[in-house]
Amino acid sequence: MQCICGGESVLQKGLIEFNTRFLGKIIVPDIEFLECDSCGDQLLTPEESDKAIDYIAGEERKRGIYRLRGKGK
């Protein structure tokens, strides 16, 4: 898949870093994503995005951080 910058997006699997409102930077393990070999832009599928959101929500619960989430979690 071609990136908007003209580079080639390559399927990767591993760790990906997110900046969250409540936890700051957090590393989410075992995520598949496309990464541009030129600019480094990363793209997740909707399923992998849900997986990352669930992981982050779990970390928030472990650390006692609760917030309203449309899914009732």
N, C-alpha and C. Protein backbone atom coordinates (compact mmCIF):
# COMPACT_ATOMS: atom_id res chain seq x y z
N MET A 1 0.86 -1.18 0.00
CA MET A 1 0.00 0.00 0.00
C MET A 1 0.90 1.24 0.00
N GLN A 2 0.55 2.21 -0.81
CA GLN A 2 1.36 3.41 -0.90
C GLN A 2 0.90 4.46 0.10
N CYS A 3 1.86 5.08 0.77
CA CYS A 3 1.59 6.15 1.73
C CYS A 3 1.33 7.45 0.96
N ILE A 4 0.70 8.39 1.60
CA ILE A 4 0.42 9.69 1.00
C ILE A 4 1.71 10.43 0.64
N CYS A 5 2.82 10.12 1.34
CA CYS A 5 4.10 10.79 1.05
C CYS A 5 4.79 10.20 -0.17
N GLY A 6 4.27 9.07 -0.67
CA GLY A 6 4.89 8.41 -1.80
C GLY A 6 5.68 7.17 -1.43
N GLY A 7 5.94 6.99 -0.14
CA GLY A 7 6.65 5.81 0.34
C GLY A 7 5.73 4.59 0.34
N GLU A 8 6.30 3.45 0.68
CA GLU A 8 5.55 2.20 0.71
C GLU A 8 5.22 1.83 2.15
N SER A 9 3.95 1.53 2.43
CA SER A 9 3.53 1.09 3.77
C SER A 9 3.73 -0.41 3.87
N VAL A 10 4.43 -0.83 4.92
CA VAL A 10 4.79 -2.22 5.13
C VAL A 10 4.11 -2.72 6.40
N LEU A 11 3.55 -3.94 6.34
CA LEU A 11 2.89 -4.53 7.51
C LEU A 11 3.94 -4.86 8.57
N GLN A 12 3.68 -4.39 9.78
CA GLN A 12 4.57 -4.63 10.93
C GLN A 12 3.74 -5.25 12.06
N LYS A 13 4.40 -5.91 12.98
CA LYS A 13 3.74 -6.39 14.19
C LYS A 13 4.70 -6.18 15.34
N GLY A 14 4.18 -5.56 16.39
CA GLY A 14 5.05 -5.31 17.54
C GLY A 14 4.45 -4.28 18.46
N LEU A 15 5.31 -3.48 19.03
CA LEU A 15 4.92 -2.45 19.99
C LEU A 15 4.58 -1.16 19.25
N ILE A 16 3.61 -0.46 19.78
CA ILE A 16 3.28 0.85 19.22
C ILE A 16 3.00 1.81 20.39
N GLU A 17 3.47 3.03 20.26
CA GLU A 17 3.35 4.02 21.34
C GLU A 17 2.15 4.92 21.11
N PHE A 18 1.40 5.14 22.18
CA PHE A 18 0.26 6.06 22.14
C PHE A 18 0.46 7.11 23.23
N ASN A 19 -0.02 8.30 22.98
CA ASN A 19 -0.08 9.35 23.99
C ASN A 19 -1.52 9.42 24.47
N THR A 20 -1.74 9.15 25.76
CA THR A 20 -3.09 9.14 26.30
C THR A 20 -3.28 10.32 27.25
N ARG A 21 -4.51 10.71 27.39
CA ARG A 21 -4.84 11.85 28.24
C ARG A 21 -4.52 11.56 29.71
N PHE A 22 -4.85 10.35 30.17
CA PHE A 22 -4.73 10.05 31.59
C PHE A 22 -3.42 9.37 31.97
N LEU A 23 -2.82 8.61 31.07
CA LEU A 23 -1.60 7.86 31.39
C LEU A 23 -0.35 8.44 30.75
N GLY A 24 -0.51 9.41 29.87
CA GLY A 24 0.64 9.93 29.13
C GLY A 24 1.05 8.92 28.07
N LYS A 25 2.34 8.75 27.87
CA LYS A 25 2.81 7.79 26.86
C LYS A 25 2.64 6.37 27.39
N ILE A 26 2.12 5.50 26.53
CA ILE A 26 1.94 4.10 26.89
C ILE A 26 2.30 3.25 25.67
N ILE A 27 2.96 2.14 25.93
CA ILE A 27 3.35 1.20 24.88
C ILE A 27 2.33 0.07 24.85
N VAL A 28 1.73 -0.13 23.69
CA VAL A 28 0.75 -1.21 23.51
C VAL A 28 1.46 -2.34 22.75
N PRO A 29 1.48 -3.55 23.34
CA PRO A 29 2.19 -4.66 22.71
C PRO A 29 1.32 -5.41 21.70
N ASP A 30 1.97 -6.16 20.84
CA ASP A 30 1.31 -7.13 19.97
C ASP A 30 0.24 -6.52 19.07
N ILE A 31 0.61 -5.45 18.38
CA ILE A 31 -0.31 -4.75 17.48
C ILE A 31 0.21 -4.88 16.04
N GLU A 32 -0.69 -5.18 15.11
CA GLU A 32 -0.33 -5.16 13.68
C GLU A 32 -0.68 -3.79 13.13
N PHE A 33 0.24 -3.24 12.34
CA PHE A 33 0.02 -1.91 11.76
C PHE A 33 0.82 -1.78 10.48
N LEU A 34 0.40 -0.85 9.66
CA LEU A 34 1.17 -0.49 8.47
C LEU A 34 2.06 0.68 8.84
N GLU A 35 3.33 0.61 8.42
CA GLU A 35 4.27 1.69 8.69
C GLU A 35 4.97 2.08 7.40
N CYS A 36 4.97 3.37 7.11
CA CYS A 36 5.61 3.88 5.89
C CYS A 36 7.13 3.78 6.02
N ASP A 37 7.76 3.21 5.00
CA ASP A 37 9.21 3.06 5.02
C ASP A 37 9.93 4.38 4.73
N SER A 38 9.17 5.43 4.40
CA SER A 38 9.77 6.72 4.11
C SER A 38 9.57 7.72 5.25
N CYS A 39 8.30 7.96 5.62
CA CYS A 39 8.02 8.98 6.64
C CYS A 39 7.75 8.40 8.03
N GLY A 40 7.53 7.09 8.12
CA GLY A 40 7.29 6.46 9.42
C GLY A 40 5.87 6.54 9.91
N ASP A 41 4.97 7.11 9.11
CA ASP A 41 3.57 7.19 9.51
C ASP A 41 3.02 5.79 9.76
N GLN A 42 2.18 5.65 10.80
CA GLN A 42 1.63 4.35 11.16
C GLN A 42 0.12 4.36 11.03
N LEU A 43 -0.44 3.25 10.55
CA LEU A 43 -1.87 3.12 10.31
C LEU A 43 -2.36 1.80 10.87
N LEU A 44 -3.41 1.84 11.68
CA LEU A 44 -4.00 0.64 12.26
C LEU A 44 -5.34 0.36 11.60
N THR A 45 -5.70 -0.92 11.53
CA THR A 45 -7.04 -1.29 11.08
C THR A 45 -8.02 -0.98 12.21
N PRO A 46 -9.32 -0.92 11.91
CA PRO A 46 -10.29 -0.70 12.98
C PRO A 46 -10.20 -1.77 14.08
N GLU A 47 -9.95 -3.02 13.70
CA GLU A 47 -9.85 -4.10 14.68
C GLU A 47 -8.63 -3.91 15.60
N GLU A 48 -7.51 -3.53 15.02
CA GLU A 48 -6.31 -3.31 15.83
C GLU A 48 -6.47 -2.05 16.70
N SER A 49 -7.19 -1.05 16.19
CA SER A 49 -7.48 0.14 16.99
C SER A 49 -8.31 -0.23 18.22
N ASP A 50 -9.33 -1.08 18.01
CA ASP A 50 -10.15 -1.55 19.14
C ASP A 50 -9.29 -2.30 20.15
N LYS A 51 -8.38 -3.12 19.66
CA LYS A 51 -7.48 -3.89 20.53
C LYS A 51 -6.62 -2.93 21.37
N ALA A 52 -6.10 -1.87 20.75
CA ALA A 52 -5.29 -0.89 21.46
C ALA A 52 -6.13 -0.13 22.49
N ILE A 53 -7.34 0.25 22.12
CA ILE A 53 -8.23 0.96 23.04
C ILE A 53 -8.54 0.10 24.25
N ASP A 54 -8.84 -1.18 24.01
CA ASP A 54 -9.13 -2.11 25.11
C ASP A 54 -7.93 -2.27 26.03
N TYR A 55 -6.73 -2.36 25.45
CA TYR A 55 -5.51 -2.48 26.26
C TYR A 55 -5.32 -1.24 27.13
N ILE A 56 -5.47 -0.07 26.53
CA ILE A 56 -5.29 1.18 27.28
C ILE A 56 -6.34 1.31 28.38
N ALA A 57 -7.59 0.95 28.08
CA ALA A 57 -8.65 1.00 29.10
C ALA A 57 -8.32 0.05 30.25
N GLY A 58 -7.79 -1.12 29.93
CA GLY A 58 -7.39 -2.07 30.97
C GLY A 58 -6.29 -1.51 31.85
N GLU A 59 -5.32 -0.83 31.25
CA GLU A 59 -4.25 -0.21 32.03
C GLU A 59 -4.79 0.90 32.92
N GLU A 60 -5.77 1.66 32.41
CA GLU A 60 -6.40 2.71 33.22
C GLU A 60 -7.11 2.10 34.42
N ARG A 61 -7.83 1.00 34.20
CA ARG A 61 -8.53 0.33 35.30
C ARG A 61 -7.54 -0.19 36.34
N LYS A 62 -6.43 -0.80 35.88
CA LYS A 62 -5.41 -1.31 36.80
C LYS A 62 -4.84 -0.21 37.68
N ARG A 63 -4.73 0.96 37.12
CA ARG A 63 -4.12 2.09 37.85
C ARG A 63 -5.16 2.96 38.56
N GLY A 64 -6.41 2.50 38.55
CA GLY A 64 -7.45 3.22 39.27
C GLY A 64 -7.95 4.47 38.58
N ILE A 65 -7.78 4.55 37.28
CA ILE A 65 -8.25 5.70 36.52
C ILE A 65 -9.53 5.29 35.81
N TYR A 66 -10.62 5.93 36.17
CA TYR A 66 -11.91 5.58 35.57
C TYR A 66 -12.46 6.78 34.84
N ARG A 67 -13.12 6.50 33.73
CA ARG A 67 -13.80 7.57 32.98
C ARG A 67 -14.95 6.96 32.21
N LEU A 68 -15.85 7.79 31.82
CA LEU A 68 -16.98 7.30 31.06
C LEU A 68 -16.54 6.98 29.64
N ARG A 69 -16.93 5.81 29.17
CA ARG A 69 -16.62 5.38 27.81
C ARG A 69 -17.94 4.90 27.21
N GLY A 70 -18.31 5.29 26.08
CA GLY A 70 -19.58 4.97 25.47
C GLY A 70 -20.00 3.51 25.56
N LYS A 71 -19.05 2.59 25.76
CA LYS A 71 -19.36 1.16 25.78
C LYS A 71 -19.71 0.66 27.18
N GLY A 72 -19.72 1.51 28.17
CA GLY A 72 -20.02 1.09 29.52
C GLY A 72 -18.88 0.36 30.21
N LYS A 73 -17.66 0.54 29.74
CA LYS A 73 -16.49 -0.12 30.36
C LYS A 73 -15.92 0.75 31.44
